[in-house]
Amino acid sequence: MKLTKNHKILLDIAIKNPPNLQSRFYTLDYICRFAQDWDSFIVFSIVNNLVEINAAGWGDKQHTAFYLNETGREYRQIDHLEKAERWKERAYGFVSGVLISVLGGAILKLLLG
């Protein structure tokens, strides 16, 4: 999951502050109060991107309220796990490349005498 700086700011705001509707939903104007430089259009576009990557969902058909799902609430832990997994894959790739090179050299030595 690739999150931009604005995604992370909005998620942090929503996580820090309790929902303002029915103990689950946040309104766009409510989030604007905590983000000084953002208007409701910017918040709408960021939330819309979060919905597309399945970190949030719309609470109504008019797209005036949203909620955070598990991915949005736990984005820091997910990001940490993805980074760790990426480093494991890099290490496996490196070790695999070294072993294939050594094995290939040994096979060539055996075949060429």
Protein backbone atom coordinates (compact mmCIF):
# COMPACT_ATOMS: atom_id res chain seq x y z
CA MET A 1 0.00 0.00 0.00
CA LYS A 2 1.58 3.25 -1.15
CA LEU A 3 0.51 6.24 0.90
CA THR A 4 1.42 9.84 0.17
CA LYS A 5 2.31 12.43 2.79
CA ASN A 6 -1.24 13.85 2.63
CA HIS A 7 -2.77 10.39 3.07
CA LYS A 8 -0.71 9.87 6.21
CA ILE A 9 -1.59 13.32 7.59
CA LEU A 10 -5.31 12.71 7.09
CA LEU A 11 -5.12 9.23 8.60
CA ASP A 12 -3.21 10.57 11.61
CA ILE A 13 -5.82 13.31 12.11
CA ALA A 14 -8.66 10.78 11.94
CA ILE A 15 -6.91 8.33 14.27
CA LYS A 16 -6.11 11.01 16.88
CA ASN A 17 -9.61 12.52 16.96
CA PRO A 18 -12.82 10.66 17.72
CA PRO A 19 -15.40 10.37 14.93
CA ASN A 20 -18.03 13.09 15.00
CA LEU A 21 -21.00 11.11 13.62
CA GLN A 22 -22.53 8.01 15.20
CA SER A 23 -19.21 7.06 16.82
CA ARG A 24 -17.83 5.79 13.51
CA PHE A 25 -18.00 8.43 10.77
CA TYR A 26 -15.99 11.57 10.11
CA THR A 27 -17.35 14.48 8.08
CA LEU A 28 -15.11 16.30 5.64
CA ASP A 29 -15.67 19.63 7.41
CA TYR A 30 -14.72 18.05 10.74
CA ILE A 31 -11.36 16.95 9.31
CA CYS A 32 -10.86 20.43 7.76
CA ARG A 33 -10.93 21.91 11.26
CA PHE A 34 -7.81 19.96 12.20
CA ALA A 35 -5.94 20.46 8.90
CA GLN A 36 -5.25 24.18 8.71
CA ASP A 37 -4.36 24.52 5.02
CA TRP A 38 -6.93 22.14 3.59
CA ASP A 39 -10.41 22.91 2.34
CA SER A 40 -13.18 20.36 1.91
CA PHE A 41 -12.26 19.73 -1.75
CA ILE A 42 -8.71 18.69 -0.81
CA VAL A 43 -10.00 16.49 2.01
CA PHE A 44 -12.56 14.97 -0.41
CA SER A 45 -9.87 14.10 -2.96
CA ILE A 46 -7.59 12.56 -0.31
CA VAL A 47 -10.45 10.52 1.18
CA ASN A 48 -11.47 9.43 -2.32
CA ASN A 49 -7.92 8.13 -2.89
CA LEU A 50 -8.02 6.34 0.46
CA VAL A 51 -11.29 4.68 -0.56
CA GLU A 52 -9.68 3.54 -3.83
CA ILE A 53 -6.81 1.86 -1.96
CA ASN A 54 -9.26 0.36 0.55
CA ALA A 55 -8.05 2.30 3.60
CA ALA A 56 -11.38 4.08 4.09
CA GLY A 57 -14.99 3.89 2.94
CA TRP A 58 -17.76 6.37 2.25
CA GLY A 59 -20.46 6.53 4.89
CA ASP A 60 -23.16 7.91 2.61
CA LYS A 61 -24.03 8.22 -1.07
CA GLN A 62 -23.39 11.97 -1.09
CA HIS A 63 -19.76 11.41 -0.01
CA THR A 64 -19.94 13.81 2.93
CA ALA A 65 -18.84 11.35 5.61
CA PHE A 66 -16.29 8.55 5.68
CA TYR A 67 -14.97 5.88 8.01
CA LEU A 68 -11.59 4.24 8.42
CA ASN A 69 -11.41 0.51 7.96
CA GLU A 70 -8.76 -1.78 9.44
CA THR A 71 -6.19 -0.90 6.78
CA GLY A 72 -6.58 2.82 7.44
CA ARG A 73 -6.49 2.51 11.21
CA GLU A 74 -3.43 0.25 11.23
CA TYR A 75 -1.50 1.81 8.31
CA ARG A 76 1.70 2.30 10.33
CA GLN A 77 1.96 -1.37 11.26
CA ILE A 78 1.11 -2.47 7.72
CA ASP A 79 3.73 -0.10 6.30
CA HIS A 80 6.33 -1.44 8.74
CA LEU A 81 5.54 -5.05 7.80
CA GLU A 82 5.69 -4.25 4.07
CA LYS A 83 9.11 -2.61 4.48
CA ALA A 84 10.42 -5.61 6.41
CA GLU A 85 9.05 -7.96 3.75
CA ARG A 86 10.70 -5.88 1.01
CA TRP A 87 14.10 -6.17 2.73
CA LYS A 88 13.66 -9.93 3.13
CA GLU A 89 12.95 -10.24 -0.60
CA ARG A 90 16.05 -8.19 -1.41
CA ALA A 91 18.20 -10.38 0.85
CA TYR A 92 16.78 -13.57 -0.69
CA GLY A 93 17.44 -12.21 -4.16
CA PHE A 94 21.02 -11.30 -3.29
CA VAL A 95 21.77 -14.68 -1.70
CA SER A 96 20.12 -16.45 -4.62
CA GLY A 97 22.23 -14.49 -7.11
CA VAL A 98 25.45 -15.31 -5.27
CA LEU A 99 24.58 -19.01 -5.00
CA ILE A 100 23.65 -19.26 -8.67
CA SER A 101 26.92 -17.58 -9.67
CA VAL A 102 28.99 -19.92 -7.49
CA LEU A 103 27.05 -22.97 -8.63
CA GLY A 104 27.36 -21.92 -12.26
CA GLY A 105 31.13 -21.45 -11.86
CA ALA A 106 31.46 -24.87 -10.25
CA ILE A 107 29.48 -26.54 -13.06
CA LEU A 108 31.65 -24.82 -15.67
CA LYS A 109 34.82 -26.03 -13.93
CA LEU A 110 33.49 -29.58 -13.84
CA LEU A 111 32.50 -29.52 -17.51
CA LEU A 112 35.67 -27.88 -18.78
CA GLY A 113 37.90 -30.04 -16.69
